[in-house]
Amino acid sequence: MDKSNTVKLFVGNLALDTTQEELSAIFESYGQVVSCSVLRQFAFVHLQGEGAAERAISELNGREFRGRNLVVEESRGRPLHSTKVFVGNLSGMCTTEDLQELFQTFGKVLECDKVKGESR
């Protein structure tokens, strides 16, 4: 199979119980679905066909699906020379600014999120 015209699409804002079969059925009308991976409220769809991705983005982005407006865009991936780091067990007093300041000694910090919540 020639994958030269295969595009990886990000599909976001999905209902929690969205299935791979449901998404594949939607995207099949735009081109051949090479693969479809559904994660928690988002998915990646590899779509093949001349202009298939552009048509899918144009027609599906913002469209209502199961009570939610879809976000459909070309997957951007991670920058080539970047690393994502998880830091756990932080004090509640630790701020995003504290983390950025600490990690800037090792290189440019592109993004820093402090997720508030209970551990599993």
N, C-alpha and C. Protein backbone atom coordinates (compact mmCIF):
# COMPACT_ATOMS: atom_id res chain seq x y z
N MET A 1 0.84 -1.18 0.00
CA MET A 1 0.00 0.00 0.00
C MET A 1 0.89 1.24 0.00
N ASP A 2 0.63 2.17 -0.89
CA ASP A 2 1.39 3.42 -0.98
C ASP A 2 0.87 4.37 0.09
N LYS A 3 1.74 4.69 1.06
CA LYS A 3 1.33 5.58 2.16
C LYS A 3 1.79 7.00 1.93
N SER A 4 2.24 7.31 0.72
CA SER A 4 2.76 8.65 0.46
C SER A 4 1.68 9.73 0.56
N ASN A 5 0.43 9.38 0.33
CA ASN A 5 -0.62 10.39 0.48
C ASN A 5 -1.52 10.06 1.68
N THR A 6 -0.91 9.48 2.72
CA THR A 6 -1.61 9.22 3.96
C THR A 6 -1.32 10.35 4.93
N VAL A 7 -2.37 10.88 5.55
CA VAL A 7 -2.24 11.99 6.49
C VAL A 7 -2.79 11.57 7.84
N LYS A 8 -2.05 11.91 8.90
CA LYS A 8 -2.49 11.62 10.26
C LYS A 8 -3.32 12.80 10.76
N LEU A 9 -4.56 12.52 11.12
CA LEU A 9 -5.46 13.55 11.62
C LEU A 9 -5.68 13.39 13.12
N PHE A 10 -5.75 14.51 13.81
CA PHE A 10 -6.13 14.54 15.21
C PHE A 10 -7.64 14.80 15.25
N VAL A 11 -8.36 14.01 16.02
CA VAL A 11 -9.81 14.20 16.19
C VAL A 11 -10.07 14.37 17.68
N GLY A 12 -10.52 15.55 18.07
CA GLY A 12 -10.71 15.83 19.49
C GLY A 12 -12.14 16.14 19.86
N ASN A 13 -12.36 16.27 21.17
CA ASN A 13 -13.66 16.57 21.77
C ASN A 13 -14.67 15.45 21.54
N LEU A 14 -14.19 14.21 21.65
CA LEU A 14 -15.06 13.05 21.46
C LEU A 14 -15.79 12.70 22.76
N ALA A 15 -16.95 12.09 22.61
CA ALA A 15 -17.65 11.54 23.77
C ALA A 15 -16.79 10.42 24.35
N LEU A 16 -16.86 10.21 25.65
CA LEU A 16 -16.02 9.22 26.31
C LEU A 16 -16.14 7.81 25.74
N ASP A 17 -17.34 7.45 25.29
CA ASP A 17 -17.55 6.08 24.82
C ASP A 17 -17.54 5.95 23.29
N THR A 18 -16.92 6.90 22.61
CA THR A 18 -16.80 6.82 21.14
C THR A 18 -15.95 5.61 20.78
N THR A 19 -16.39 4.87 19.75
CA THR A 19 -15.67 3.67 19.35
C THR A 19 -14.88 3.89 18.06
N GLN A 20 -13.92 3.02 17.86
CA GLN A 20 -13.11 3.02 16.65
C GLN A 20 -14.00 2.80 15.42
N GLU A 21 -14.97 1.93 15.54
CA GLU A 21 -15.87 1.63 14.43
C GLU A 21 -16.69 2.85 14.02
N GLU A 22 -17.18 3.61 15.01
CA GLU A 22 -17.94 4.83 14.71
C GLU A 22 -17.10 5.84 13.93
N LEU A 23 -15.89 6.07 14.41
CA LEU A 23 -15.03 7.05 13.74
C LEU A 23 -14.62 6.59 12.35
N SER A 24 -14.26 5.33 12.24
CA SER A 24 -13.87 4.80 10.92
C SER A 24 -15.01 4.98 9.93
N ALA A 25 -16.24 4.72 10.36
CA ALA A 25 -17.39 4.86 9.47
C ALA A 25 -17.55 6.30 8.99
N ILE A 26 -17.30 7.27 9.87
CA ILE A 26 -17.42 8.68 9.48
C ILE A 26 -16.34 9.05 8.46
N PHE A 27 -15.10 8.63 8.71
CA PHE A 27 -13.98 9.05 7.87
C PHE A 27 -13.88 8.26 6.56
N GLU A 28 -14.49 7.08 6.48
CA GLU A 28 -14.43 6.28 5.26
C GLU A 28 -15.04 6.98 4.06
N SER A 29 -15.96 7.90 4.29
CA SER A 29 -16.57 8.61 3.16
C SER A 29 -15.62 9.64 2.54
N TYR A 30 -14.48 9.88 3.19
CA TYR A 30 -13.50 10.85 2.68
C TYR A 30 -12.28 10.19 2.05
N GLY A 31 -12.01 8.96 2.42
CA GLY A 31 -10.85 8.24 1.89
C GLY A 31 -10.68 6.94 2.65
N GLN A 32 -9.62 6.22 2.33
CA GLN A 32 -9.37 4.94 2.99
C GLN A 32 -8.81 5.19 4.39
N VAL A 33 -9.44 4.60 5.40
CA VAL A 33 -8.95 4.71 6.77
C VAL A 33 -7.88 3.63 6.94
N VAL A 34 -6.62 4.06 7.01
CA VAL A 34 -5.50 3.14 7.16
C VAL A 34 -5.44 2.63 8.59
N SER A 35 -5.66 3.52 9.55
CA SER A 35 -5.74 3.13 10.96
C SER A 35 -6.53 4.18 11.73
N CYS A 36 -7.07 3.73 12.85
CA CYS A 36 -7.87 4.62 13.71
C CYS A 36 -7.62 4.20 15.15
N SER A 37 -7.06 5.10 15.94
CA SER A 37 -6.76 4.82 17.35
C SER A 37 -7.55 5.77 18.23
N VAL A 38 -8.50 5.23 18.98
CA VAL A 38 -9.32 6.05 19.87
C VAL A 38 -8.73 5.98 21.27
N LEU A 39 -8.43 7.16 21.82
CA LEU A 39 -7.91 7.27 23.17
C LEU A 39 -9.00 7.93 24.02
N ARG A 40 -8.68 8.55 25.09
CA ARG A 40 -9.70 9.15 25.96
C ARG A 40 -10.10 10.52 25.42
N GLN A 41 -11.27 10.61 24.82
CA GLN A 41 -11.87 11.83 24.26
C GLN A 41 -11.12 12.41 23.07
N PHE A 42 -10.18 11.66 22.49
CA PHE A 42 -9.55 12.08 21.25
C PHE A 42 -9.08 10.85 20.50
N ALA A 43 -8.73 11.04 19.23
CA ALA A 43 -8.31 9.91 18.41
C ALA A 43 -7.33 10.40 17.35
N PHE A 44 -6.64 9.44 16.75
CA PHE A 44 -5.80 9.70 15.59
C PHE A 44 -6.30 8.82 14.46
N VAL A 45 -6.56 9.43 13.32
CA VAL A 45 -7.04 8.70 12.15
C VAL A 45 -6.04 8.92 11.03
N HIS A 46 -5.51 7.82 10.47
CA HIS A 46 -4.64 7.90 9.30
C HIS A 46 -5.53 7.72 8.08
N LEU A 47 -5.63 8.76 7.27
CA LEU A 47 -6.54 8.78 6.13
C LEU A 47 -5.74 8.87 4.85
N GLN A 48 -6.07 7.99 3.90
CA GLN A 48 -5.35 7.94 2.63
C GLN A 48 -6.29 8.30 1.49
N GLY A 49 -5.76 9.03 0.53
CA GLY A 49 -6.53 9.41 -0.65
C GLY A 49 -6.22 10.85 -1.02
N GLU A 50 -6.16 11.11 -2.30
CA GLU A 50 -5.85 12.46 -2.79
C GLU A 50 -6.87 13.46 -2.27
N GLY A 51 -6.44 14.41 -1.45
CA GLY A 51 -7.32 15.45 -0.92
C GLY A 51 -8.26 14.98 0.17
N ALA A 52 -8.14 13.72 0.60
CA ALA A 52 -9.06 13.17 1.60
C ALA A 52 -9.00 13.92 2.92
N ALA A 53 -7.79 14.18 3.40
CA ALA A 53 -7.63 14.85 4.69
C ALA A 53 -8.20 16.26 4.65
N GLU A 54 -7.92 16.98 3.57
CA GLU A 54 -8.41 18.35 3.45
C GLU A 54 -9.94 18.39 3.46
N ARG A 55 -10.57 17.46 2.74
CA ARG A 55 -12.03 17.40 2.71
C ARG A 55 -12.59 17.05 4.08
N ALA A 56 -11.97 16.08 4.74
CA ALA A 56 -12.44 15.67 6.06
C ALA A 56 -12.34 16.82 7.06
N ILE A 57 -11.22 17.53 7.04
CA ILE A 57 -11.04 18.66 7.95
C ILE A 57 -12.07 19.74 7.66
N SER A 58 -12.24 20.05 6.38
CA SER A 58 -13.17 21.11 5.97
C SER A 58 -14.61 20.80 6.38
N GLU A 59 -15.01 19.55 6.23
CA GLU A 59 -16.41 19.20 6.48
C GLU A 59 -16.70 18.73 7.91
N LEU A 60 -15.70 18.19 8.60
CA LEU A 60 -15.97 17.61 9.92
C LEU A 60 -15.56 18.50 11.09
N ASN A 61 -14.59 19.39 10.89
CA ASN A 61 -14.16 20.25 11.99
C ASN A 61 -15.32 21.16 12.41
N GLY A 62 -15.70 21.07 13.68
CA GLY A 62 -16.81 21.87 14.20
C GLY A 62 -18.16 21.20 14.07
N ARG A 63 -18.23 20.08 13.34
CA ARG A 63 -19.50 19.37 13.17
C ARG A 63 -19.90 18.67 14.47
N GLU A 64 -21.19 18.68 14.74
CA GLU A 64 -21.70 18.04 15.94
C GLU A 64 -21.71 16.52 15.75
N PHE A 65 -21.18 15.81 16.73
CA PHE A 65 -21.17 14.35 16.73
C PHE A 65 -21.43 13.89 18.15
N ARG A 66 -22.55 13.23 18.35
CA ARG A 66 -22.95 12.70 19.65
C ARG A 66 -22.96 13.79 20.73
N GLY A 67 -23.51 14.95 20.36
CA GLY A 67 -23.69 16.04 21.31
C GLY A 67 -22.47 16.91 21.55
N ARG A 68 -21.39 16.69 20.78
CA ARG A 68 -20.17 17.49 20.96
C ARG A 68 -19.67 17.97 19.61
N ASN A 69 -19.05 19.13 19.57
CA ASN A 69 -18.48 19.65 18.32
C ASN A 69 -17.08 19.10 18.13
N LEU A 70 -16.89 18.37 17.04
CA LEU A 70 -15.59 17.75 16.76
C LEU A 70 -14.51 18.78 16.48
N VAL A 71 -13.30 18.44 16.86
CA VAL A 71 -12.11 19.19 16.46
C VAL A 71 -11.33 18.24 15.55
N VAL A 72 -11.21 18.60 14.27
CA VAL A 72 -10.49 17.77 13.31
C VAL A 72 -9.42 18.63 12.66
N GLU A 73 -8.16 18.20 12.81
CA GLU A 73 -7.05 18.95 12.23
C GLU A 73 -5.89 17.99 11.95
N GLU A 74 -4.98 18.43 11.10
CA GLU A 74 -3.81 17.61 10.82
C GLU A 74 -2.98 17.51 12.09
N SER A 75 -2.55 16.30 12.41
CA SER A 75 -1.74 16.10 13.61
C SER A 75 -0.40 16.77 13.43
N ARG A 76 -0.01 17.55 14.43
CA ARG A 76 1.25 18.29 14.34
C ARG A 76 2.42 17.50 14.91
N GLY A 77 2.16 16.57 15.78
CA GLY A 77 3.25 15.81 16.39
C GLY A 77 4.08 16.67 17.31
N ARG A 78 5.05 16.06 17.90
CA ARG A 78 5.96 16.75 18.81
C ARG A 78 7.13 17.33 18.04
N PRO A 79 7.65 18.47 18.45
CA PRO A 79 8.87 18.98 17.82
C PRO A 79 9.98 17.93 17.90
N LEU A 80 10.84 17.88 16.88
CA LEU A 80 11.86 16.84 16.78
C LEU A 80 12.76 16.73 18.00
N HIS A 81 13.25 17.82 18.49
CA HIS A 81 14.22 17.77 19.59
C HIS A 81 13.60 18.26 20.89
N SER A 82 12.48 17.67 21.25
CA SER A 82 11.84 18.05 22.50
C SER A 82 11.61 16.81 23.35
N THR A 83 11.48 17.02 24.63
CA THR A 83 11.24 15.93 25.55
C THR A 83 10.13 16.35 26.49
N LYS A 84 9.20 15.45 26.71
CA LYS A 84 8.11 15.70 27.64
C LYS A 84 8.48 15.01 28.95
N VAL A 85 8.37 15.72 30.05
CA VAL A 85 8.77 15.19 31.35
C VAL A 85 7.57 15.24 32.29
N PHE A 86 7.33 14.14 33.00
CA PHE A 86 6.30 14.11 34.03
C PHE A 86 6.99 14.23 35.39
N VAL A 87 6.50 15.12 36.22
CA VAL A 87 7.04 15.29 37.57
C VAL A 87 5.88 15.09 38.53
N GLY A 88 5.98 14.10 39.38
CA GLY A 88 4.89 13.79 40.29
C GLY A 88 5.23 14.09 41.74
N ASN A 89 4.23 13.91 42.59
CA ASN A 89 4.37 14.05 44.04
C ASN A 89 4.81 15.46 44.44
N LEU A 90 4.25 16.45 43.77
CA LEU A 90 4.59 17.85 44.05
C LEU A 90 3.79 18.38 45.23
N SER A 91 4.37 19.30 45.94
CA SER A 91 3.68 19.99 47.02
C SER A 91 2.56 20.83 46.42
N GLY A 92 1.48 20.99 47.14
CA GLY A 92 0.39 21.84 46.69
C GLY A 92 0.81 23.30 46.57
N MET A 93 1.91 23.66 47.22
CA MET A 93 2.41 25.03 47.17
C MET A 93 3.28 25.30 45.94
N CYS A 94 3.69 24.25 45.25
CA CYS A 94 4.52 24.40 44.05
C CYS A 94 3.68 24.99 42.92
N THR A 95 4.20 26.02 42.26
CA THR A 95 3.46 26.67 41.18
C THR A 95 4.07 26.32 39.82
N THR A 96 3.32 26.62 38.78
CA THR A 96 3.82 26.44 37.41
C THR A 96 5.08 27.26 37.21
N GLU A 97 5.10 28.46 37.76
CA GLU A 97 6.28 29.33 37.64
C GLU A 97 7.49 28.70 38.31
N ASP A 98 7.28 28.07 39.47
CA ASP A 98 8.38 27.39 40.16
C ASP A 98 8.98 26.29 39.27
N LEU A 99 8.11 25.51 38.65
CA LEU A 99 8.58 24.43 37.78
C LEU A 99 9.34 24.97 36.58
N GLN A 100 8.79 26.01 35.96
CA GLN A 100 9.46 26.61 34.80
C GLN A 100 10.84 27.11 35.17
N GLU A 101 10.93 27.81 36.28
CA GLU A 101 12.22 28.36 36.72
C GLU A 101 13.23 27.23 36.97
N LEU A 102 12.78 26.17 37.61
CA LEU A 102 13.66 25.05 37.90
C LEU A 102 14.18 24.38 36.63
N PHE A 103 13.28 24.12 35.67
CA PHE A 103 13.66 23.38 34.48
C PHE A 103 14.35 24.23 33.42
N GLN A 104 14.26 25.56 33.50
CA GLN A 104 14.93 26.42 32.52
C GLN A 104 16.44 26.32 32.62
N THR A 105 16.95 25.83 33.74
CA THR A 105 18.40 25.65 33.85
C THR A 105 18.90 24.55 32.91
N PHE A 106 17.99 23.70 32.42
CA PHE A 106 18.36 22.60 31.53
C PHE A 106 18.08 22.89 30.07
N GLY A 107 17.34 23.96 29.78
CA GLY A 107 17.00 24.30 28.40
C GLY A 107 15.70 25.07 28.36
N LYS A 108 15.30 25.43 27.15
CA LYS A 108 14.08 26.22 26.96
C LYS A 108 12.85 25.38 27.31
N VAL A 109 11.98 25.92 28.14
CA VAL A 109 10.73 25.25 28.52
C VAL A 109 9.65 25.76 27.57
N LEU A 110 9.11 24.85 26.74
CA LEU A 110 8.09 25.24 25.77
C LEU A 110 6.71 25.31 26.38
N GLU A 111 6.45 24.42 27.32
CA GLU A 111 5.12 24.35 27.93
C GLU A 111 5.26 23.75 29.31
N CYS A 112 4.46 24.24 30.24
CA CYS A 112 4.50 23.72 31.60
C CYS A 112 3.07 23.73 32.15
N ASP A 113 2.55 22.56 32.45
CA ASP A 113 1.21 22.45 33.02
C ASP A 113 1.31 21.77 34.37
N LYS A 114 0.62 22.31 35.34
CA LYS A 114 0.51 21.64 36.63
C LYS A 114 -0.92 21.16 36.74
N VAL A 115 -1.09 19.87 36.71
CA VAL A 115 -2.42 19.27 36.78
C VAL A 115 -2.80 19.10 38.24
N LYS A 116 -3.93 19.66 38.60
CA LYS A 116 -4.40 19.54 39.98
C LYS A 116 -5.36 18.37 40.03
N GLY A 117 -5.19 17.53 41.00
CA GLY A 117 -6.10 16.41 41.12
C GLY A 117 -5.57 15.38 42.09
N GLU A 118 -6.39 14.38 42.33
CA GLU A 118 -6.02 13.31 43.24
C GLU A 118 -5.28 12.23 42.48
N SER A 119 -4.36 11.57 43.16
CA SER A 119 -3.67 10.44 42.54
C SER A 119 -4.64 9.27 42.47
N ARG A 120 -4.33 8.35 41.58
CA ARG A 120 -5.22 7.20 41.41
C ARG A 120 -4.95 6.27 42.52
